[in-house]
Amino acid sequence: MALWAFDNSLTRVLAGFYQPWQAATPAAPKVVVFNDALAARLGLPGREAGEDALAGWLSGRDAVPGSEPVALTYAGHQFGTFNPQMGDGRALLLGEVIAPDRLRFDLQFKGSGATPYSRGADGKCTLAAALREYVMSEAMAALGVPTTRSLAVVATGEGIWREEPHPAAVLTRVAASHLRVGTFEWAAAHKGREAVEQLSDYALERHFPERLHEANRPLALLDAVCDVQARLVAKWMALGFVHGVMNTDNVAISGETIDYGPCAFLDGYSASQVFSSIDRGGRYAYGQQPLVCRWNLYRLASALIEAIAEVDQADTEQARVILEQWPARYEAYWLGEMRAKLGLLEERQGDLELVRNLFAALEGQQADFTQLFRALSDTLSAGYVALEVHLTERGVLREWYARWQARLAAEPRDPATRKAAMDAVNPLYIPRNHLVDSALADAEAGDLAPFLTLLEAVMRPFEFREELQRYTQGAPDGSPRHVTYCGT
């Protein structure tokens, strides 16, 4: 049987960035869903260990051999306002495991009870919130988006109150690390430059070891994080994903998507689309995400700037240049994603305008984001009619469609080959908002089958299956506006 191969570097290196803590003891833990493939990839015990053993380990009932549970401390800008003292209020880092390929991963509980950072809350998680993160994160992984993963959801056997009673659960999250922009903000605010330097060296060695040789390591870290965040948000935008709460404490240094609270995928396209119940001003709307990402990176730079200047004062100018040039870096990644979605292989003058004009024309059309891009590949054989059925004004894309056809003709390609390439990046199945809500309600009522079927659909998002036809469809007409919450 596989063992828990822990090697907890953070607790060895970053004293003061955490508090040792223990999970609450659950009443009657039971495995609800377990990620066999992820356990095998990490070299962790699987179902051969027995359901009761897994339930005990992954709920907090039994100590995970080799773990050193800690609650991490960090700060964060929340909706633009700095909170200097935050931390894991309902999470607990078990430690780091070394996978068979020697890569290092954090294992973290979410919903395992109150910690020193809970600020009076119970630190628990509803079953629905845990399952939501499971299906969203696994869908994102299947779509090729850098993301935290979900190893298991274990029901604790107790009820908790969130305006009404809910069954409680613990999610086990897997991440490259849980270092955040907010971790650096906390170090700068509370411990000073030397701590920021120590944290920078640790983050660089863990996530970007190829840049350890550079003379100014804090500057190298800033540049590396700017790059992975540009890549990440470009992928979000290409898939119509709305994170919903892009506070700096939810921005992972590794470039992974983290925190699946008030997130959702676009249904009817709108750049101003917001799903979060608390984002009343639209700060984290779909179209705002690149701007907010850059704003968050400025906060990282502010935390790093003294450490950068300590190496070489002149490098502060280079930090400014990195941030000023970030929009162009993001745009290049985003345009690469969009070329693939539109069936284009080559870089040509005018591609950026072509893509921008598409989204401008889509405003107000209520076109389903995911369906529309699949329809574009259908037009290669069926013509414009395959596209117009998704639009409020059927002719609104005719001019754009003609321009796109001319652009396709500039790089001749077999239509079947082009369609296959487009269908390989434009998903059929995403965790559609109405389906997620329905499946989670059924799961909390005791019926897990709809959740498992939805999970099966989104784990192979590009592969058509006749029996899953309804999972490609948008919400029925007249459905209430979809609203998401922070999870507790």
Protein backbone atom coordinates (compact mmCIF):
# COMPACT_ATOMS: atom_id res chain seq x y z
CA MET A 1 0.00 0.00 0.00
CA ALA A 2 1.23 3.53 -0.79
CA LEU A 3 2.45 5.64 2.10
CA TRP A 4 2.05 9.30 2.98
CA ALA A 5 5.41 10.63 1.72
CA PHE A 6 5.48 13.91 3.67
CA ASP A 7 8.41 16.31 3.54
CA ASN A 8 7.25 19.55 5.15
CA SER A 9 9.61 22.25 3.93
CA LEU A 10 7.41 25.21 4.85
CA THR A 11 7.39 24.40 8.55
CA ARG A 12 11.17 23.91 8.42
CA VAL A 13 11.96 27.13 6.59
CA LEU A 14 9.23 29.68 7.35
CA ALA A 15 8.87 29.83 11.12
CA GLY A 16 6.36 32.51 12.07
CA PHE A 17 4.24 32.13 8.95
CA TYR A 18 1.90 29.61 10.58
CA GLN A 19 0.49 28.28 13.82
CA PRO A 20 0.39 24.56 14.63
CA TRP A 21 -3.21 23.42 14.96
CA GLN A 22 -5.45 20.38 14.90
CA ALA A 23 -8.64 19.67 13.01
CA ALA A 24 -11.89 19.31 14.91
CA THR A 25 -12.89 15.70 15.56
CA PRO A 26 -15.85 14.78 13.33
CA ALA A 27 -18.87 12.91 14.64
CA ALA A 28 -19.21 10.17 12.03
CA PRO A 29 -17.00 10.70 8.96
CA LYS A 30 -17.93 9.05 5.69
CA VAL A 31 -16.27 9.34 2.28
CA VAL A 32 -18.63 11.00 -0.18
CA VAL A 33 -16.30 11.20 -3.19
CA PHE A 34 -12.66 10.18 -3.59
CA ASN A 35 -10.34 11.03 -6.47
CA ASP A 36 -8.70 7.69 -7.28
CA ALA A 37 -6.70 9.02 -10.23
CA LEU A 38 -5.29 11.94 -8.24
CA ALA A 39 -4.37 9.70 -5.31
CA ALA A 40 -2.48 7.41 -7.70
CA ARG A 41 -0.72 10.36 -9.35
CA LEU A 42 0.45 11.59 -5.91
CA GLY A 43 1.40 8.11 -4.72
CA LEU A 44 -1.07 8.31 -1.82
CA PRO A 45 -3.12 5.54 -0.22
CA GLY A 46 -6.26 4.77 -2.18
CA ARG A 47 -9.34 2.66 -1.65
CA GLU A 48 -7.19 -0.37 -0.83
CA ALA A 49 -6.63 1.31 2.56
CA GLY A 50 -10.34 0.87 3.31
CA GLU A 51 -13.21 3.36 3.43
CA ASP A 52 -13.01 3.83 7.20
CA ALA A 53 -9.27 4.55 7.13
CA LEU A 54 -9.69 7.10 4.34
CA ALA A 55 -12.64 8.70 6.12
CA GLY A 56 -10.63 8.96 9.32
CA TRP A 57 -7.54 10.45 7.71
CA LEU A 58 -9.37 12.87 5.41
CA SER A 59 -11.76 14.27 7.99
CA GLY A 60 -9.49 15.01 10.95
CA ARG A 61 -10.62 12.06 13.04
CA ASP A 62 -7.28 10.27 12.72
CA ALA A 63 -3.85 11.83 12.34
CA VAL A 64 -2.44 11.48 8.84
CA PRO A 65 0.95 9.77 9.31
CA GLY A 66 3.77 12.27 8.81
CA SER A 67 1.53 15.34 8.71
CA GLU A 68 2.24 18.49 10.72
CA PRO A 69 -1.05 20.42 10.61
CA VAL A 70 -0.70 24.21 10.61
CA ALA A 71 -2.92 27.19 9.93
CA LEU A 72 -1.16 29.60 7.58
CA THR A 73 -1.12 33.33 8.21
CA TYR A 74 -1.43 35.97 5.51
CA ALA A 75 -2.91 39.37 4.77
CA GLY A 76 -4.94 40.52 1.80
CA HIS A 77 -6.61 43.28 -0.12
CA GLN A 78 -10.30 42.38 -0.06
CA PHE A 79 -12.32 44.32 -2.63
CA GLY A 80 -9.48 46.85 -2.66
CA THR A 81 -9.24 47.33 1.11
CA PHE A 82 -6.19 46.06 2.97
CA ASN A 83 -6.73 43.62 5.82
CA PRO A 84 -3.32 43.23 7.50
CA GLN A 85 -4.16 40.09 9.46
CA MET A 86 -5.98 37.19 7.90
CA GLY A 87 -5.11 33.51 7.68
CA ASP A 88 -6.61 30.05 7.33
CA GLY A 89 -9.94 30.53 9.05
CA ARG A 90 -11.41 27.18 7.96
CA ALA A 91 -8.39 25.51 6.40
CA LEU A 92 -5.51 23.48 7.74
CA LEU A 93 -2.31 22.63 5.88
CA LEU A 94 -1.47 18.99 6.59
CA GLY A 95 1.94 19.27 4.94
CA GLU A 96 3.69 18.56 1.65
CA VAL A 97 3.81 15.20 -0.07
CA ILE A 98 6.42 14.12 -2.62
CA ALA A 99 4.82 12.40 -5.61
CA PRO A 100 6.50 9.48 -7.42
CA ASP A 101 7.84 11.95 -10.05
CA ARG A 102 9.47 13.93 -7.16
CA LEU A 103 7.15 16.92 -7.53
CA ARG A 104 5.96 18.51 -4.29
CA PHE A 105 2.30 19.17 -3.42
CA ASP A 106 0.47 20.68 -0.46
CA LEU A 107 -2.36 18.73 1.15
CA GLN A 108 -4.85 21.00 2.88
CA PHE A 109 -8.15 20.49 4.67
CA LYS A 110 -10.96 22.94 4.04
CA GLY A 111 -13.81 22.96 6.56
CA SER A 112 -11.98 21.15 9.37
CA GLY A 113 -12.99 23.55 12.14
CA ALA A 114 -12.03 26.81 13.79
CA THR A 115 -8.41 28.03 13.84
CA PRO A 116 -6.72 31.04 15.47
CA TYR A 117 -7.69 32.99 12.33
CA SER A 118 -11.40 32.13 12.22
CA ARG A 119 -12.53 35.47 13.66
CA GLY A 120 -15.39 33.93 15.59
CA ALA A 121 -16.62 31.63 12.80
CA ASP A 122 -16.91 27.87 13.19
CA GLY A 123 -14.42 27.05 10.42
CA LYS A 124 -16.75 24.42 8.99
CA CYS A 125 -17.84 23.82 5.41
CA THR A 126 -21.15 22.66 4.00
CA LEU A 127 -21.29 19.50 1.93
CA ALA A 128 -22.52 21.57 -1.01
CA ALA A 129 -19.56 23.97 -0.80
CA ALA A 130 -17.07 21.09 -0.63
CA LEU A 131 -18.64 19.30 -3.59
CA ARG A 132 -18.79 22.56 -5.52
CA GLU A 133 -15.04 23.05 -5.19
CA TYR A 134 -14.50 19.41 -6.12
CA VAL A 135 -16.43 19.59 -9.38
CA MET A 136 -15.19 23.06 -10.33
CA SER A 137 -11.52 22.36 -9.71
CA GLU A 138 -11.59 18.98 -11.44
CA ALA A 139 -13.41 20.51 -14.41
CA MET A 140 -10.76 23.22 -14.65
CA ALA A 141 -8.00 20.61 -14.57
CA ALA A 142 -9.70 18.70 -17.38
CA LEU A 143 -9.91 21.93 -19.37
CA GLY A 144 -6.16 22.40 -19.07
CA VAL A 145 -6.27 25.32 -16.62
CA PRO A 146 -3.63 25.46 -13.86
CA THR A 147 -5.60 24.80 -10.70
CA THR A 148 -5.68 23.36 -7.24
CA ARG A 149 -7.21 19.90 -7.24
CA SER A 150 -9.59 18.00 -4.99
CA LEU A 151 -8.62 14.67 -3.47
CA ALA A 152 -11.71 13.89 -1.43
CA VAL A 153 -14.89 15.11 0.20
CA VAL A 154 -15.73 13.48 3.52
CA ALA A 155 -19.03 14.16 5.28
CA THR A 156 -18.47 14.72 9.00
CA GLY A 157 -21.85 13.44 10.21
CA GLU A 158 -22.87 16.75 11.73
CA GLY A 159 -25.13 19.60 10.73
CA ILE A 160 -24.15 23.27 10.54
CA TRP A 161 -26.24 26.40 10.17
CA ARG A 162 -25.94 28.70 7.15
CA GLU A 163 -29.29 30.54 7.19
CA GLU A 164 -30.69 27.00 7.21
CA PRO A 165 -29.26 23.63 8.29
CA HIS A 166 -26.75 21.85 6.04
CA PRO A 167 -24.69 18.67 6.34
CA ALA A 168 -21.02 19.48 6.98
CA ALA A 169 -18.00 18.09 5.14
CA VAL A 170 -14.23 18.40 4.83
CA LEU A 171 -12.59 18.88 1.44
CA THR A 172 -8.99 17.80 0.92
CA ARG A 173 -7.31 20.21 -1.47
CA VAL A 174 -4.10 19.57 -3.41
CA ALA A 175 -1.97 22.52 -4.52
CA ALA A 176 1.51 23.31 -5.77
CA SER A 177 1.58 25.46 -2.64
CA HIS A 178 -0.65 27.82 -0.70
CA LEU A 179 1.70 30.81 -0.92
CA ARG A 180 -0.30 33.85 -1.97
CA VAL A 181 0.23 37.49 -2.80
CA GLY A 182 -1.30 38.04 0.64
CA THR A 183 1.50 35.97 2.23
CA PHE A 184 4.01 38.53 0.95
CA GLU A 185 1.80 41.41 2.05
CA TRP A 186 1.69 39.93 5.56
CA ALA A 187 5.48 39.48 5.66
CA ALA A 188 6.07 43.06 4.50
CA ALA A 189 3.54 44.51 6.95
CA HIS A 190 4.54 42.53 10.05
CA LYS A 191 8.06 41.18 9.69
CA GLY A 192 9.94 43.46 7.30
CA ARG A 193 12.41 43.17 4.46
CA GLU A 194 14.46 40.22 5.70
CA ALA A 195 11.35 38.09 6.07
CA VAL A 196 10.24 39.08 2.56
CA GLU A 197 13.67 38.06 1.25
CA GLN A 198 13.40 34.72 3.03
CA LEU A 199 9.91 34.15 1.66
CA SER A 200 11.03 35.17 -1.85
CA ASP A 201 13.90 32.69 -1.82
CA TYR A 202 11.59 29.92 -0.62
CA ALA A 203 8.93 30.70 -3.26
CA LEU A 204 11.50 30.93 -6.04
CA GLU A 205 13.14 27.65 -5.09
CA ARG A 206 9.79 25.90 -4.83
CA HIS A 207 8.08 27.22 -7.96
CA PHE A 208 10.67 28.78 -10.27
CA PRO A 209 14.01 27.09 -9.51
CA GLU A 210 15.27 27.87 -13.02
CA ARG A 211 15.51 31.53 -11.92
CA LEU A 212 17.45 31.02 -8.70
CA HIS A 213 20.68 32.02 -10.45
CA GLU A 214 19.48 35.57 -11.12
CA ALA A 215 21.19 38.35 -9.20
CA ASN A 216 18.00 39.96 -7.91
CA ARG A 217 15.83 37.11 -6.71
CA PRO A 218 12.85 39.19 -5.51
CA LEU A 219 12.75 40.84 -8.93
CA ALA A 220 12.97 37.45 -10.63
CA LEU A 221 10.06 36.26 -8.50
CA LEU A 222 7.94 39.28 -9.44
CA ASP A 223 8.57 38.67 -13.13
CA ALA A 224 7.85 34.94 -12.85
CA VAL A 225 4.56 35.50 -10.98
CA CYS A 226 3.52 38.18 -13.49
CA ASP A 227 4.05 35.63 -16.25
CA VAL A 228 2.12 32.72 -14.73
CA GLN A 229 -0.75 35.00 -13.73
CA ALA A 230 -0.96 36.37 -17.27
CA ARG A 231 -1.15 32.82 -18.62
CA LEU A 232 -3.76 31.85 -16.03
CA VAL A 233 -6.17 34.74 -16.54
CA ALA A 234 -5.86 34.38 -20.32
CA LYS A 235 -7.15 30.82 -19.94
CA TRP A 236 -9.98 31.96 -17.67
CA MET A 237 -11.06 34.53 -20.21
CA ALA A 238 -10.87 32.08 -23.11
CA LEU A 239 -13.22 29.69 -21.29
CA GLY A 240 -15.67 32.25 -19.91
CA PHE A 241 -14.66 31.53 -16.31
CA VAL A 242 -15.46 34.13 -13.63
CA HIS A 243 -13.44 33.66 -10.45
CA GLY A 244 -15.62 36.00 -8.45
CA VAL A 245 -13.30 36.90 -5.56
CA MET A 246 -9.88 37.97 -6.87
CA ASN A 247 -8.68 39.35 -3.55
CA THR A 248 -4.90 39.20 -3.09
CA ASP A 249 -5.26 36.41 -0.55
CA ASN A 250 -6.75 34.32 -3.37
CA VAL A 251 -3.88 34.86 -5.83
CA ALA A 252 -1.48 31.91 -5.72
CA ILE A 253 2.19 32.59 -6.41
CA SER A 254 2.30 29.29 -8.33
CA GLY A 255 -0.16 30.55 -10.95
CA GLU A 256 -2.87 28.04 -10.02
CA THR A 257 -6.56 28.88 -9.72
CA ILE A 258 -7.37 28.81 -6.01
CA ASP A 259 -10.55 29.31 -3.98
CA TYR A 260 -13.70 28.13 -5.74
CA GLY A 261 -16.21 30.12 -3.73
CA PRO A 262 -18.35 32.53 -5.76
CA CYS A 263 -17.09 31.34 -9.14
CA ALA A 264 -19.09 30.40 -12.23
CA PHE A 265 -18.89 30.01 -15.99
CA LEU A 266 -20.56 32.50 -18.29
CA ASP A 267 -23.88 31.54 -19.75
CA GLY A 268 -25.16 34.52 -21.75
CA TYR A 269 -22.07 36.53 -22.69
CA SER A 270 -21.52 39.91 -21.08
CA ALA A 271 -18.25 41.56 -20.13
CA SER A 272 -19.98 42.97 -17.03
CA GLN A 273 -21.31 39.59 -15.86
CA VAL A 274 -21.06 39.09 -12.08
CA PHE A 275 -22.23 36.05 -10.13
CA SER A 276 -20.98 36.79 -6.61
CA SER A 277 -23.62 37.88 -4.12
CA ILE A 278 -21.20 40.35 -2.51
CA ASP A 279 -19.68 41.93 -5.64
CA ARG A 280 -22.27 44.66 -5.91
CA GLY A 281 -19.99 47.07 -7.73
CA GLY A 282 -18.78 44.60 -10.35
CA ARG A 283 -15.13 44.81 -9.28
CA TYR A 284 -14.58 41.16 -10.22
CA ALA A 285 -16.82 41.00 -13.30
CA TYR A 286 -15.73 38.77 -16.18
CA GLY A 287 -14.27 41.61 -18.24
CA GLN A 288 -12.51 43.16 -15.26
CA GLN A 289 -10.37 40.12 -14.47
CA PRO A 290 -7.22 41.13 -16.42
CA LEU A 291 -7.32 44.63 -14.88
CA VAL A 292 -7.75 43.25 -11.37
CA CYS A 293 -4.98 40.72 -11.93
CA ARG A 294 -2.58 43.55 -12.79
CA TRP A 295 -3.76 45.53 -9.74
CA ASN A 296 -3.01 42.53 -7.54
CA LEU A 297 0.46 42.21 -9.07
CA TYR A 298 1.12 45.83 -8.12
CA ARG A 299 0.34 44.81 -4.54
CA LEU A 300 2.90 42.01 -4.82
CA ALA A 301 5.45 44.46 -6.17
CA SER A 302 4.76 46.81 -3.26
CA ALA A 303 5.48 43.98 -0.83
CA LEU A 304 8.69 43.05 -2.67
CA ILE A 305 10.04 46.51 -3.47
CA GLU A 306 12.30 46.98 -0.44
CA ALA A 307 13.85 43.56 -1.01
CA ILE A 308 14.34 44.40 -4.71
CA ALA A 309 15.97 47.73 -3.85
CA GLU A 310 18.23 46.12 -1.25
CA VAL A 311 19.89 44.10 -4.02
CA ASP A 312 20.09 47.01 -6.46
CA GLN A 313 18.22 50.28 -6.21
CA ALA A 314 18.22 50.56 -10.01
CA ASP A 315 16.15 47.38 -10.26
CA THR A 316 13.12 49.20 -8.89
CA GLU A 317 12.82 50.75 -12.35
CA GLN A 318 12.83 47.27 -13.89
CA ALA A 319 10.01 46.28 -11.53
CA ARG A 320 8.02 49.25 -12.81
CA VAL A 321 8.68 48.23 -16.41
CA ILE A 322 7.54 44.64 -15.74
CA LEU A 323 4.22 45.93 -14.41
CA GLU A 324 3.75 48.49 -17.19
CA GLN A 325 4.38 45.83 -19.81
CA TRP A 326 2.10 43.27 -18.18
CA PRO A 327 -0.98 44.14 -20.30
CA ALA A 328 0.98 43.32 -23.48
CA ARG A 329 2.18 40.06 -21.94
CA TYR A 330 -1.37 39.11 -20.98
CA GLU A 331 -2.72 40.14 -24.38
CA ALA A 332 -0.23 37.89 -26.16
CA TYR A 333 -1.29 34.86 -24.12
CA TRP A 334 -4.98 35.67 -24.52
CA LEU A 335 -4.66 36.15 -28.27
CA GLY A 336 -2.90 32.80 -28.51
CA GLU A 337 -5.82 31.16 -26.71
CA MET A 338 -8.32 32.89 -28.98
CA ARG A 339 -6.49 31.96 -32.18
CA ALA A 340 -6.78 28.31 -31.18
CA LYS A 341 -10.49 28.74 -30.43
CA LEU A 342 -11.01 30.30 -33.86
CA GLY A 343 -9.05 27.64 -35.73
CA LEU A 344 -6.05 29.83 -36.56
CA LEU A 345 -2.50 28.49 -36.55
CA GLU A 346 -0.48 31.50 -37.66
CA GLU A 347 -0.03 34.96 -36.20
CA ARG A 348 -1.33 37.60 -38.60
CA GLN A 349 -1.79 41.34 -38.48
CA GLY A 350 -5.40 42.14 -37.63
CA ASP A 351 -6.05 39.08 -35.43
CA LEU A 352 -6.42 41.18 -32.30
CA GLU A 353 -8.98 43.43 -33.95
CA LEU A 354 -10.86 40.38 -35.27
CA VAL A 355 -11.21 38.92 -31.79
CA ARG A 356 -12.11 42.21 -30.15
CA ASN A 357 -14.78 42.83 -32.76
CA LEU A 358 -16.32 39.45 -32.06
CA PHE A 359 -16.79 40.20 -28.39
CA ALA A 360 -18.02 43.71 -29.09
CA ALA A 361 -20.69 42.32 -31.41
CA LEU A 362 -21.74 39.73 -28.83
CA GLU A 363 -22.66 42.30 -26.18
CA GLY A 364 -26.40 42.21 -25.63
CA GLN A 365 -26.92 39.07 -27.71
CA GLN A 366 -27.18 36.69 -24.74
CA ALA A 367 -25.21 34.15 -26.73
CA ASP A 368 -24.17 31.18 -24.63
CA PHE A 369 -20.37 31.53 -24.42
CA THR A 370 -19.55 27.81 -24.57
CA GLN A 371 -22.13 26.89 -27.19
CA LEU A 372 -21.14 29.78 -29.44
CA PHE A 373 -17.54 28.62 -29.88
CA ARG A 374 -18.64 25.06 -30.61
CA ALA A 375 -21.06 26.50 -33.16
CA LEU A 376 -18.20 28.29 -34.90
CA SER A 377 -16.58 24.98 -35.75
CA ASP A 378 -19.95 23.68 -36.98
CA THR A 379 -20.11 26.54 -39.47
CA LEU A 380 -17.13 25.03 -41.30
CA SER A 381 -19.57 22.54 -42.80
CA ALA A 382 -23.01 24.06 -42.14
CA GLY A 383 -22.33 27.74 -42.79
CA TYR A 384 -23.60 30.78 -40.87
CA VAL A 385 -26.90 29.11 -39.98
CA ALA A 386 -25.11 27.08 -37.30
CA LEU A 387 -24.13 30.35 -35.61
CA GLU A 388 -27.20 32.53 -35.99
CA VAL A 389 -29.46 30.33 -33.86
CA HIS A 390 -27.43 31.39 -30.81
CA LEU A 391 -27.98 35.12 -31.33
CA THR A 392 -30.80 37.48 -30.40
CA GLU A 393 -30.25 39.41 -33.64
CA ARG A 394 -29.51 36.64 -36.09
CA GLY A 395 -27.57 38.76 -38.55
CA VAL A 396 -25.39 40.60 -36.04
CA LEU A 397 -22.29 38.49 -36.75
CA ARG A 398 -22.61 38.25 -40.55
CA GLU A 399 -20.00 40.92 -41.26
CA TRP A 400 -17.66 39.49 -38.63
CA TYR A 401 -18.24 35.96 -39.96
CA ALA A 402 -17.22 37.04 -43.47
CA ARG A 403 -14.00 38.55 -42.07
CA TRP A 404 -13.28 35.36 -40.14
CA GLN A 405 -13.84 33.26 -43.25
CA ALA A 406 -11.41 35.44 -45.16
CA ARG A 407 -8.87 35.06 -42.36
CA LEU A 408 -9.29 31.26 -42.46
CA ALA A 409 -8.70 31.31 -46.19
CA ALA A 410 -5.36 33.02 -45.61
CA GLU A 411 -4.04 29.77 -44.14
CA PRO A 412 -5.76 26.97 -46.07
CA ARG A 413 -6.47 23.86 -44.07
CA ASP A 414 -8.66 20.83 -44.45
CA PRO A 415 -12.02 21.78 -42.83
CA ALA A 416 -12.29 18.47 -40.96
CA THR A 417 -8.80 18.92 -39.52
CA ARG A 418 -9.56 22.51 -38.54
CA LYS A 419 -12.85 21.52 -36.91
CA ALA A 420 -11.14 18.78 -34.90
CA ALA A 421 -8.54 21.26 -33.69
CA MET A 422 -11.21 23.77 -32.67
CA ASP A 423 -13.31 21.13 -30.93
CA ALA A 424 -10.21 20.06 -28.98
CA VAL A 425 -10.04 23.46 -27.25
CA ASN A 426 -13.70 24.55 -27.20
CA PRO A 427 -15.48 22.41 -24.60
CA LEU A 428 -18.90 20.85 -24.89
CA TYR A 429 -19.28 20.29 -21.16
CA ILE A 430 -18.61 22.80 -18.39
CA PRO A 431 -20.05 22.90 -14.85
CA ARG A 432 -23.12 24.82 -15.95
CA ASN A 433 -24.52 26.93 -13.17
CA HIS A 434 -28.03 25.49 -13.08
CA LEU A 435 -26.72 21.92 -13.24
CA VAL A 436 -24.25 22.51 -10.42
CA ASP A 437 -26.92 24.05 -8.20
CA SER A 438 -29.34 21.20 -8.87
CA ALA A 439 -26.73 18.49 -8.31
CA LEU A 440 -25.57 20.03 -5.03
CA ALA A 441 -29.12 20.32 -3.73
CA ASP A 442 -29.71 16.65 -4.57
CA ALA A 443 -26.44 15.65 -2.90
CA GLU A 444 -27.32 17.41 0.33
CA ALA A 445 -30.70 15.66 0.21
CA GLY A 446 -28.92 12.30 0.00
CA ASP A 447 -28.85 11.61 -3.76
CA LEU A 448 -25.29 11.78 -5.11
CA ALA A 449 -26.09 10.36 -8.56
CA PRO A 450 -26.70 13.71 -10.35
CA PHE A 451 -23.41 15.06 -8.98
CA LEU A 452 -21.49 12.01 -10.20
CA THR A 453 -23.06 12.27 -13.66
CA LEU A 454 -22.15 15.95 -13.87
CA LEU A 455 -18.62 15.11 -12.75
CA GLU A 456 -18.37 12.43 -15.43
CA ALA A 457 -19.42 14.99 -18.06
CA VAL A 458 -16.95 17.71 -17.13
CA MET A 459 -14.02 15.35 -16.61
CA ARG A 460 -14.04 14.72 -20.39
CA PRO A 461 -15.16 18.16 -21.56
CA PHE A 462 -14.40 17.85 -25.29
CA GLU A 463 -15.76 14.36 -25.99
CA PHE A 464 -19.37 14.17 -27.19
CA ARG A 465 -21.55 11.54 -25.52
CA GLU A 466 -25.13 11.15 -26.67
CA GLU A 467 -26.47 10.32 -23.22
CA LEU A 468 -25.08 13.61 -21.84
CA GLN A 469 -26.79 15.86 -24.37
CA ARG A 470 -28.63 17.90 -21.74
CA TYR A 471 -25.30 18.82 -20.11
CA THR A 472 -24.47 20.91 -23.17
CA GLN A 473 -27.59 23.06 -22.76
CA GLY A 474 -27.98 26.39 -21.00
CA ALA A 475 -30.44 27.09 -18.21
CA PRO A 476 -34.13 26.83 -19.16
CA ASP A 477 -35.86 30.06 -20.13
CA GLY A 478 -37.19 31.87 -17.10
CA SER A 479 -34.58 30.48 -14.73
CA PRO A 480 -33.67 32.85 -11.89
CA ARG A 481 -30.43 34.80 -12.12
CA HIS A 482 -27.54 32.63 -10.92
CA VAL A 483 -25.97 33.85 -7.67
CA THR A 484 -22.93 32.37 -5.93
CA TYR A 485 -21.66 32.75 -2.39
CA CYS A 486 -18.34 32.47 -0.58
CA GLY A 487 -19.05 28.90 0.49
CA THR A 488 -19.94 29.07 4.16
